[in-house]
């Protein structure tokens, strides 16, 4: 077993343990969400800075973009903490389901991509394949039977559509960060997670999936 795989396994065990603790203890979830959000923003800012650092005429654009994104990101963080502490059970379920769909999409893409391989999905990320994208959709839909029975009283068609949209959004979020990394000419957003890269590398799809998923559940 290579050292990189060992690092990935150890890091994965740590992350899974953290998720379990976050599920049972709200204060651990709040602290973790704040820390993860801050680190992810720092990594994002570093990516943008590397992209524009050689073009002085874009410094003002960079500052405006970062300030605007910071406000949006901060408001999202405050709302997320509100959801965690809220007594509104549905909000927590919408949040949880959106995260799980993004996670299952990521796993499905990895599994199908490794097994079936095939044609590349896009030149943006050479590791992404059409089979992987299909796998992401299939794995995300595996959550539907459990959600209908245990989480929601929604119509099957509604859950199906929302799940597909969340999965696609998660994949697009992953590709968006991949575009930034390619333009910045870096493989990972950082090396804070041994064997995995940065925080942003791990939650790139999730941060896009959560707002879209919760918005759809609330308006439909």
C-alpha atoms as a PDB file:
ATOM      1  CA  UNK A   1       0.000   0.000   0.000  1.00  0.00           C
ATOM      2  CA  UNK A   2       1.456   3.362  -1.042  1.00  0.00           C
ATOM      3  CA  UNK A   3       2.054   6.113   1.496  1.00  0.00           C
ATOM      4  CA  UNK A   4      -0.459   8.355  -0.301  1.00  0.00           C
ATOM      5  CA  UNK A   5      -3.237   5.762   0.047  1.00  0.00           C
ATOM      6  CA  UNK A   6      -2.380   5.331   3.738  1.00  0.00           C
ATOM      7  CA  UNK A   7      -2.650   9.086   4.205  1.00  0.00           C
ATOM      8  CA  UNK A   8      -6.026   9.126   2.440  1.00  0.00           C
ATOM      9  CA  UNK A   9      -7.336   6.312   4.658  1.00  0.00           C
ATOM     10  CA  UNK A  10      -6.187   7.995   7.885  1.00  0.00           C
ATOM     11  CA  UNK A  11      -7.613  11.342   6.782  1.00  0.00           C
ATOM     12  CA  UNK A  12     -10.901   9.707   5.740  1.00  0.00           C
ATOM     13  CA  UNK A  13     -11.244   8.025   9.152  1.00  0.00           C
ATOM     14  CA  UNK A  14     -10.689  11.391  10.821  1.00  0.00           C
ATOM     15  CA  UNK A  15     -13.275  13.115   8.617  1.00  0.00           C
ATOM     16  CA  UNK A  16     -15.873  10.385   9.152  1.00  0.00           C
ATOM     17  CA  UNK A  17     -15.320  10.573  12.918  1.00  0.00           C
ATOM     18  CA  UNK A  18     -15.760  14.342  12.774  1.00  0.00           C
ATOM     19  CA  UNK A  19     -19.015  13.991  10.821  1.00  0.00           C
ATOM     20  CA  UNK A  20     -20.365  11.558  13.423  1.00  0.00           C
ATOM     21  CA  UNK A  21     -19.507  13.958  16.233  1.00  0.00           C
ATOM     22  CA  UNK A  22     -21.073  16.832  14.301  1.00  0.00           C
ATOM     23  CA  UNK A  23     -24.287  14.848  13.911  1.00  0.00           C
ATOM     24  CA  UNK A  24     -24.643  14.193  17.644  1.00  0.00           C
ATOM     25  CA  UNK A  25     -23.305  17.488  19.050  1.00  0.00           C
ATOM     26  CA  UNK A  26     -24.519  20.822  17.683  1.00  0.00           C
ATOM     27  CA  UNK A  27     -21.678  22.843  19.224  1.00  0.00           C
ATOM     28  CA  UNK A  28     -19.099  20.625  17.486  1.00  0.00           C
ATOM     29  CA  UNK A  29     -20.966  21.116  14.207  1.00  0.00           C
ATOM     30  CA  UNK A  30     -21.047  24.910  14.603  1.00  0.00           C
ATOM     31  CA  UNK A  31     -17.347  25.150  15.484  1.00  0.00           C
ATOM     32  CA  UNK A  32     -16.418  22.748  12.666  1.00  0.00           C
ATOM     33  CA  UNK A  33     -18.548  24.596  10.106  1.00  0.00           C
ATOM     34  CA  UNK A  34     -16.947  27.933  11.036  1.00  0.00           C
ATOM     35  CA  UNK A  35     -13.391  26.545  10.869  1.00  0.00           C
ATOM     36  CA  UNK A  36     -14.015  24.659   7.619  1.00  0.00           C
ATOM     37  CA  UNK A  37     -15.666  27.721   6.051  1.00  0.00           C
ATOM     38  CA  UNK A  38     -12.777  30.021   6.985  1.00  0.00           C
ATOM     39  CA  UNK A  39     -10.138  27.615   5.642  1.00  0.00           C
ATOM     40  CA  UNK A  40     -12.136  27.025   2.436  1.00  0.00           C
ATOM     41  CA  UNK A  41     -12.418  30.781   1.891  1.00  0.00           C
ATOM     42  CA  UNK A  42      -8.669  31.265   2.414  1.00  0.00           C
ATOM     43  CA  UNK A  43      -7.986  28.537  -0.153  1.00  0.00           C
ATOM     44  CA  UNK A  44     -10.463  30.115  -2.557  1.00  0.00           C
ATOM     45  CA  UNK A  45      -8.891  33.552  -2.144  1.00  0.00           C
ATOM     46  CA  UNK A  46      -5.442  32.043  -2.759  1.00  0.00           C
ATOM     47  CA  UNK A  47      -6.660  30.476  -6.002  1.00  0.00           C
ATOM     48  CA  UNK A  48      -8.116  33.744  -7.266  1.00  0.00           C
ATOM     49  CA  UNK A  49      -4.949  35.621  -6.272  1.00  0.00           C
ATOM     50  CA  UNK A  50      -2.752  33.204  -8.214  1.00  0.00           C
ATOM     51  CA  UNK A  51      -4.930  33.597 -11.286  1.00  0.00           C
ATOM     52  CA  UNK A  52      -4.795  37.402 -11.306  1.00  0.00           C
ATOM     53  CA  UNK A  53      -1.445  38.119  -9.646  1.00  0.00           C
ATOM     54  CA  UNK A  54       0.381  38.964 -12.886  1.00  0.00           C
ATOM     55  CA  UNK A  55      -2.269  41.274 -14.226  1.00  0.00           C
ATOM     56  CA  UNK A  56      -2.290  44.538 -12.280  1.00  0.00           C
ATOM     57  CA  UNK A  57      -5.242  45.902 -14.239  1.00  0.00           C
ATOM     58  CA  UNK A  58      -7.392  43.204 -12.686  1.00  0.00           C
ATOM     59  CA  UNK A  59      -6.429  43.894  -9.068  1.00  0.00           C
ATOM     60  CA  UNK A  60      -9.510  46.060  -8.533  1.00  0.00           C
ATOM     61  CA  UNK A  61     -11.675  43.403 -10.125  1.00  0.00           C
ATOM     62  CA  UNK A  62     -10.116  40.843  -7.818  1.00  0.00           C
ATOM     63  CA  UNK A  63     -10.741  42.944  -4.714  1.00  0.00           C
ATOM     64  CA  UNK A  64     -14.350  43.647  -5.709  1.00  0.00           C
ATOM     65  CA  UNK A  65     -14.944  39.989  -6.558  1.00  0.00           C
ATOM     66  CA  UNK A  66     -13.477  38.807  -3.258  1.00  0.00           C
ATOM     67  CA  UNK A  67     -15.475  41.344  -1.229  1.00  0.00           C
ATOM     68  CA  UNK A  68     -18.720  40.457  -2.984  1.00  0.00           C
ATOM     69  CA  UNK A  69     -18.077  36.747  -2.594  1.00  0.00           C
ATOM     70  CA  UNK A  70     -17.110  37.259   1.053  1.00  0.00           C
ATOM     71  CA  UNK A  71     -20.442  38.915   1.823  1.00  0.00           C
ATOM     72  CA  UNK A  72     -22.358  36.156   0.060  1.00  0.00           C
ATOM     73  CA  UNK A  73     -20.246  33.472   1.729  1.00  0.00           C
ATOM     74  CA  UNK A  74     -20.632  35.077   5.170  1.00  0.00           C
ATOM     75  CA  UNK A  75     -24.393  35.367   4.811  1.00  0.00           C
ATOM     76  CA  UNK A  76     -24.521  31.720   3.771  1.00  0.00           C
ATOM     77  CA  UNK A  77     -22.439  30.728   6.811  1.00  0.00           C
ATOM     78  CA  UNK A  78     -24.744  32.645   9.171  1.00  0.00           C
ATOM     79  CA  UNK A  79     -27.786  30.983   7.607  1.00  0.00           C
ATOM     80  CA  UNK A  80     -26.125  27.572   7.892  1.00  0.00           C
ATOM     81  CA  UNK A  81     -25.498  28.085  11.604  1.00  0.00           C
ATOM     82  CA  UNK A  82     -29.137  29.182  11.953  1.00  0.00           C
ATOM     83  CA  UNK A  83     -30.210  25.923  10.298  1.00  0.00           C
ATOM     84  CA  UNK A  84     -28.046  23.879  12.666  1.00  0.00           C
ATOM     85  CA  UNK A  85     -29.546  25.580  15.731  1.00  0.00           C
ATOM     86  CA  UNK A  86     -33.045  25.865  14.350  1.00  0.00           C
ATOM     87  CA  UNK A  87     -35.931  23.926  15.858  1.00  0.00           C
ATOM     88  CA  UNK A  88     -37.350  23.637  12.353  1.00  0.00           C
ATOM     89  CA  UNK A  89     -36.713  19.970  11.650  1.00  0.00           C
ATOM     90  CA  UNK A  90     -37.402  20.278   7.924  1.00  0.00           C
ATOM     91  CA  UNK A  91     -34.548  22.767   7.469  1.00  0.00           C
ATOM     92  CA  UNK A  92     -32.118  20.331   9.029  1.00  0.00           C
ATOM     93  CA  UNK A  93     -33.433  17.529   6.841  1.00  0.00           C
ATOM     94  CA  UNK A  94     -33.093  19.649   3.698  1.00  0.00           C
ATOM     95  CA  UNK A  95     -29.534  20.505   4.694  1.00  0.00           C
ATOM     96  CA  UNK A  96     -28.643  16.900   5.521  1.00  0.00           C
ATOM     97  CA  UNK A  97     -30.164  15.526   2.337  1.00  0.00           C
ATOM     98  CA  UNK A  98     -28.365  18.075   0.143  1.00  0.00           C
ATOM     99  CA  UNK A  99     -25.026  17.164   1.730  1.00  0.00           C
ATOM    100  CA  UNK A 100     -25.687  13.433   1.358  1.00  0.00           C
ATOM    101  CA  UNK A 101     -26.620  13.813  -2.322  1.00  0.00           C
ATOM    102  CA  UNK A 102     -23.375  15.712  -2.970  1.00  0.00           C
ATOM    103  CA  UNK A 103     -21.360  13.064  -1.118  1.00  0.00           C
ATOM    104  CA  UNK A 104     -23.058  10.185  -2.946  1.00  0.00           C
ATOM    105  CA  UNK A 105     -22.529  11.978  -6.255  1.00  0.00           C
ATOM    106  CA  UNK A 106     -18.831  12.242  -5.507  1.00  0.00           C
ATOM    107  CA  UNK A 107     -18.609   8.556  -4.552  1.00  0.00           C
ATOM    108  CA  UNK A 108     -20.648   7.467  -7.588  1.00  0.00           C
ATOM    109  CA  UNK A 109     -18.462   9.471  -9.925  1.00  0.00           C
ATOM    110  CA  UNK A 110     -15.309   7.928  -8.464  1.00  0.00           C
ATOM    111  CA  UNK A 111     -16.632   4.334  -8.517  1.00  0.00           C
ATOM    112  CA  UNK A 112     -18.130   4.419 -12.022  1.00  0.00           C
ATOM    113  CA  UNK A 113     -15.178   6.372 -13.371  1.00  0.00           C
ATOM    114  CA  UNK A 114     -12.711   3.787 -12.068  1.00  0.00           C
ATOM    115  CA  UNK A 115     -14.753   0.770 -13.192  1.00  0.00           C
ATOM    116  CA  UNK A 116     -16.109   1.834 -16.578  1.00  0.00           C
ATOM    117  CA  UNK A 117     -13.706   4.660 -17.511  1.00  0.00           C
ATOM    118  CA  UNK A 118     -14.593   5.601 -21.093  1.00  0.00           C
ATOM    119  CA  UNK A 119     -14.853   8.978 -22.792  1.00  0.00           C
ATOM    120  CA  UNK A 120     -13.766  12.093 -20.935  1.00  0.00           C
ATOM    121  CA  UNK A 121     -16.545  14.409 -19.826  1.00  0.00           C
ATOM    122  CA  UNK A 122     -14.574  17.599 -20.406  1.00  0.00           C
ATOM    123  CA  UNK A 123     -11.052  18.857 -20.990  1.00  0.00           C
ATOM    124  CA  UNK A 124     -11.334  20.963 -17.851  1.00  0.00           C
ATOM    125  CA  UNK A 125     -10.754  17.972 -15.588  1.00  0.00           C
ATOM    126  CA  UNK A 126      -9.124  14.948 -17.288  1.00  0.00           C
ATOM    127  CA  UNK A 127     -10.238  12.620 -14.477  1.00  0.00           C
ATOM    128  CA  UNK A 128     -13.923  13.305 -15.097  1.00  0.00           C
ATOM    129  CA  UNK A 129     -15.677  10.847 -17.430  1.00  0.00           C
ATOM    130  CA  UNK A 130     -19.183  10.519 -18.834  1.00  0.00           C
ATOM    131  CA  UNK A 131     -19.557   7.195 -17.023  1.00  0.00           C
ATOM    132  CA  UNK A 132     -18.526   8.916 -13.804  1.00  0.00           C
ATOM    133  CA  UNK A 133     -21.166  11.595 -14.289  1.00  0.00           C
ATOM    134  CA  UNK A 134     -23.819   8.920 -14.853  1.00  0.00           C
ATOM    135  CA  UNK A 135     -22.574   7.113 -11.747  1.00  0.00           C
ATOM    136  CA  UNK A 136     -22.978  10.321  -9.756  1.00  0.00           C
ATOM    137  CA  UNK A 137     -26.640  10.533 -10.751  1.00  0.00           C
ATOM    138  CA  UNK A 138     -27.286   6.846 -10.045  1.00  0.00           C
ATOM    139  CA  UNK A 139     -25.628   6.889  -6.613  1.00  0.00           C
ATOM    140  CA  UNK A 140     -27.462  10.064  -5.610  1.00  0.00           C
ATOM    141  CA  UNK A 141     -30.798   8.469  -6.507  1.00  0.00           C
ATOM    142  CA  UNK A 142     -30.070   5.588  -4.132  1.00  0.00           C
ATOM    143  CA  UNK A 143     -30.986   8.001  -1.328  1.00  0.00           C
ATOM    144  CA  UNK A 144     -34.537   8.523  -2.590  1.00  0.00           C
ATOM    145  CA  UNK A 145     -36.157   5.394  -1.057  1.00  0.00           C
ATOM    146  CA  UNK A 146     -34.722   6.263   2.367  1.00  0.00           C
ATOM    147  CA  UNK A 147     -35.738   9.912   2.115  1.00  0.00           C
ATOM    148  CA  UNK A 148     -39.332   9.122   1.197  1.00  0.00           C
ATOM    149  CA  UNK A 149     -39.757   6.799   4.145  1.00  0.00           C
ATOM    150  CA  UNK A 150     -37.775   8.611   6.820  1.00  0.00           C
ATOM    151  CA  UNK A 151     -37.293  12.272   5.904  1.00  0.00           C
ATOM    152  CA  UNK A 152     -39.959  13.789   3.704  1.00  0.00           C
ATOM    153  CA  UNK A 153     -43.619  13.615   2.831  1.00  0.00           C
ATOM    154  CA  UNK A 154     -42.939  14.947  -0.628  1.00  0.00           C
ATOM    155  CA  UNK A 155     -44.125  13.503  -3.924  1.00  0.00           C
ATOM    156  CA  UNK A 156     -41.768  10.915  -5.472  1.00  0.00           C
ATOM    157  CA  UNK A 157     -41.404  12.945  -8.665  1.00  0.00           C
ATOM    158  CA  UNK A 158     -40.477  16.084  -6.715  1.00  0.00           C
ATOM    159  CA  UNK A 159     -37.802  14.251  -4.709  1.00  0.00           C
ATOM    160  CA  UNK A 160     -36.465  12.703  -7.920  1.00  0.00           C
ATOM    161  CA  UNK A 161     -36.180  16.057  -9.719  1.00  0.00           C
ATOM    162  CA  UNK A 162     -34.616  17.822  -6.722  1.00  0.00           C
ATOM    163  CA  UNK A 163     -32.096  14.997  -6.253  1.00  0.00           C
ATOM    164  CA  UNK A 164     -31.041  15.134  -9.908  1.00  0.00           C
ATOM    165  CA  UNK A 165     -30.667  18.930  -9.788  1.00  0.00           C
ATOM    166  CA  UNK A 166     -28.593  18.761  -6.576  1.00  0.00           C
ATOM    167  CA  UNK A 167     -26.347  16.074  -8.073  1.00  0.00           C
ATOM    168  CA  UNK A 168     -25.794  18.047 -11.278  1.00  0.00           C
ATOM    169  CA  UNK A 169     -25.133  21.215  -9.258  1.00  0.00           C
ATOM    170  CA  UNK A 170     -22.575  19.348  -7.158  1.00  0.00           C
ATOM    171  CA  UNK A 171     -20.818  18.133 -10.294  1.00  0.00           C
ATOM    172  CA  UNK A 172     -20.803  21.632 -11.791  1.00  0.00           C
ATOM    173  CA  UNK A 173     -19.382  23.029  -8.543  1.00  0.00           C
ATOM    174  CA  UNK A 174     -16.606  20.460  -8.709  1.00  0.00           C
ATOM    175  CA  UNK A 175     -15.858  21.475 -12.306  1.00  0.00           C
ATOM    176  CA  UNK A 176     -15.902  25.177 -11.413  1.00  0.00           C
ATOM    177  CA  UNK A 177     -13.225  24.722  -8.758  1.00  0.00           C
ATOM    178  CA  UNK A 178     -11.303  22.531 -11.223  1.00  0.00           C
ATOM    179  CA  UNK A 179     -11.340  25.442 -13.697  1.00  0.00           C
ATOM    180  CA  UNK A 180      -9.898  27.762 -11.050  1.00  0.00           C
ATOM    181  CA  UNK A 181      -7.204  25.240 -10.105  1.00  0.00           C
ATOM    182  CA  UNK A 182      -6.284  24.789 -13.746  1.00  0.00           C
ATOM    183  CA  UNK A 183      -6.026  28.531 -14.313  1.00  0.00           C
ATOM    184  CA  UNK A 184      -3.986  28.881 -11.129  1.00  0.00           C
ATOM    185  CA  UNK A 185      -1.844  25.922 -12.283  1.00  0.00           C
ATOM    186  CA  UNK A 186      -2.183  23.995  -9.015  1.00  0.00           C
ATOM    187  CA  UNK A 187      -3.285  20.408  -8.403  1.00  0.00           C
ATOM    188  CA  UNK A 188      -4.914  21.009  -5.014  1.00  0.00           C
ATOM    189  CA  UNK A 189      -6.164  24.091  -3.186  1.00  0.00           C
ATOM    190  CA  UNK A 190      -3.771  23.254  -0.316  1.00  0.00           C
ATOM    191  CA  UNK A 191      -2.196  20.256   1.427  1.00  0.00           C
ATOM    192  CA  UNK A 192      -3.998  20.587   4.759  1.00  0.00           C
ATOM    193  CA  UNK A 193      -5.607  17.136   4.373  1.00  0.00           C
ATOM    194  CA  UNK A 194      -2.882  14.538   3.745  1.00  0.00           C
ATOM    195  CA  UNK A 195      -3.652  12.509   0.640  1.00  0.00           C
ATOM    196  CA  UNK A 196      -6.759  14.573  -0.153  1.00  0.00           C
ATOM    197  CA  UNK A 197      -5.491  18.097  -0.768  1.00  0.00           C
ATOM    198  CA  UNK A 198      -7.333  21.082   0.667  1.00  0.00           C
ATOM    199  CA  UNK A 199     -10.646  21.622   2.388  1.00  0.00           C
ATOM    200  CA  UNK A 200     -12.024  23.220  -0.766  1.00  0.00           C
ATOM    201  CA  UNK A 201     -11.026  20.126  -2.765  1.00  0.00           C
ATOM    202  CA  UNK A 202     -13.299  18.045  -0.551  1.00  0.00           C
ATOM    203  CA  UNK A 203     -16.312  20.352  -0.282  1.00  0.00           C
ATOM    204  CA  UNK A 204     -16.295  21.987  -3.727  1.00  0.00           C
ATOM    205  CA  UNK A 205     -19.497  20.246  -4.794  1.00  0.00           C
ATOM    206  CA  UNK A 206     -21.137  20.464  -1.368  1.00  0.00           C
ATOM    207  CA  UNK A 207     -20.930  24.259  -1.068  1.00  0.00           C
ATOM    208  CA  UNK A 208     -22.892  24.584  -4.302  1.00  0.00           C
ATOM    209  CA  UNK A 209     -25.305  21.729  -3.574  1.00  0.00           C
ATOM    210  CA  UNK A 210     -26.480  22.993  -0.160  1.00  0.00           C
ATOM    211  CA  UNK A 211     -27.988  26.363  -1.205  1.00  0.00           C
ATOM    212  CA  UNK A 212     -29.555  24.921  -4.371  1.00  0.00           C
ATOM    213  CA  UNK A 213     -31.032  21.926  -2.540  1.00  0.00           C
ATOM    214  CA  UNK A 214     -32.455  23.937   0.357  1.00  0.00           C
ATOM    215  CA  UNK A 215     -33.869  26.573  -2.000  1.00  0.00           C
ATOM    216  CA  UNK A 216     -35.650  23.936  -4.085  1.00  0.00           C
ATOM    217  CA  UNK A 217     -37.110  22.167  -1.050  1.00  0.00           C
ATOM    218  CA  UNK A 218     -38.380  25.453   0.398  1.00  0.00           C
ATOM    219  CA  UNK A 219     -40.053  26.802  -2.764  1.00  0.00           C
ATOM    220  CA  UNK A 220     -41.524  23.533  -4.048  1.00  0.00           C
END
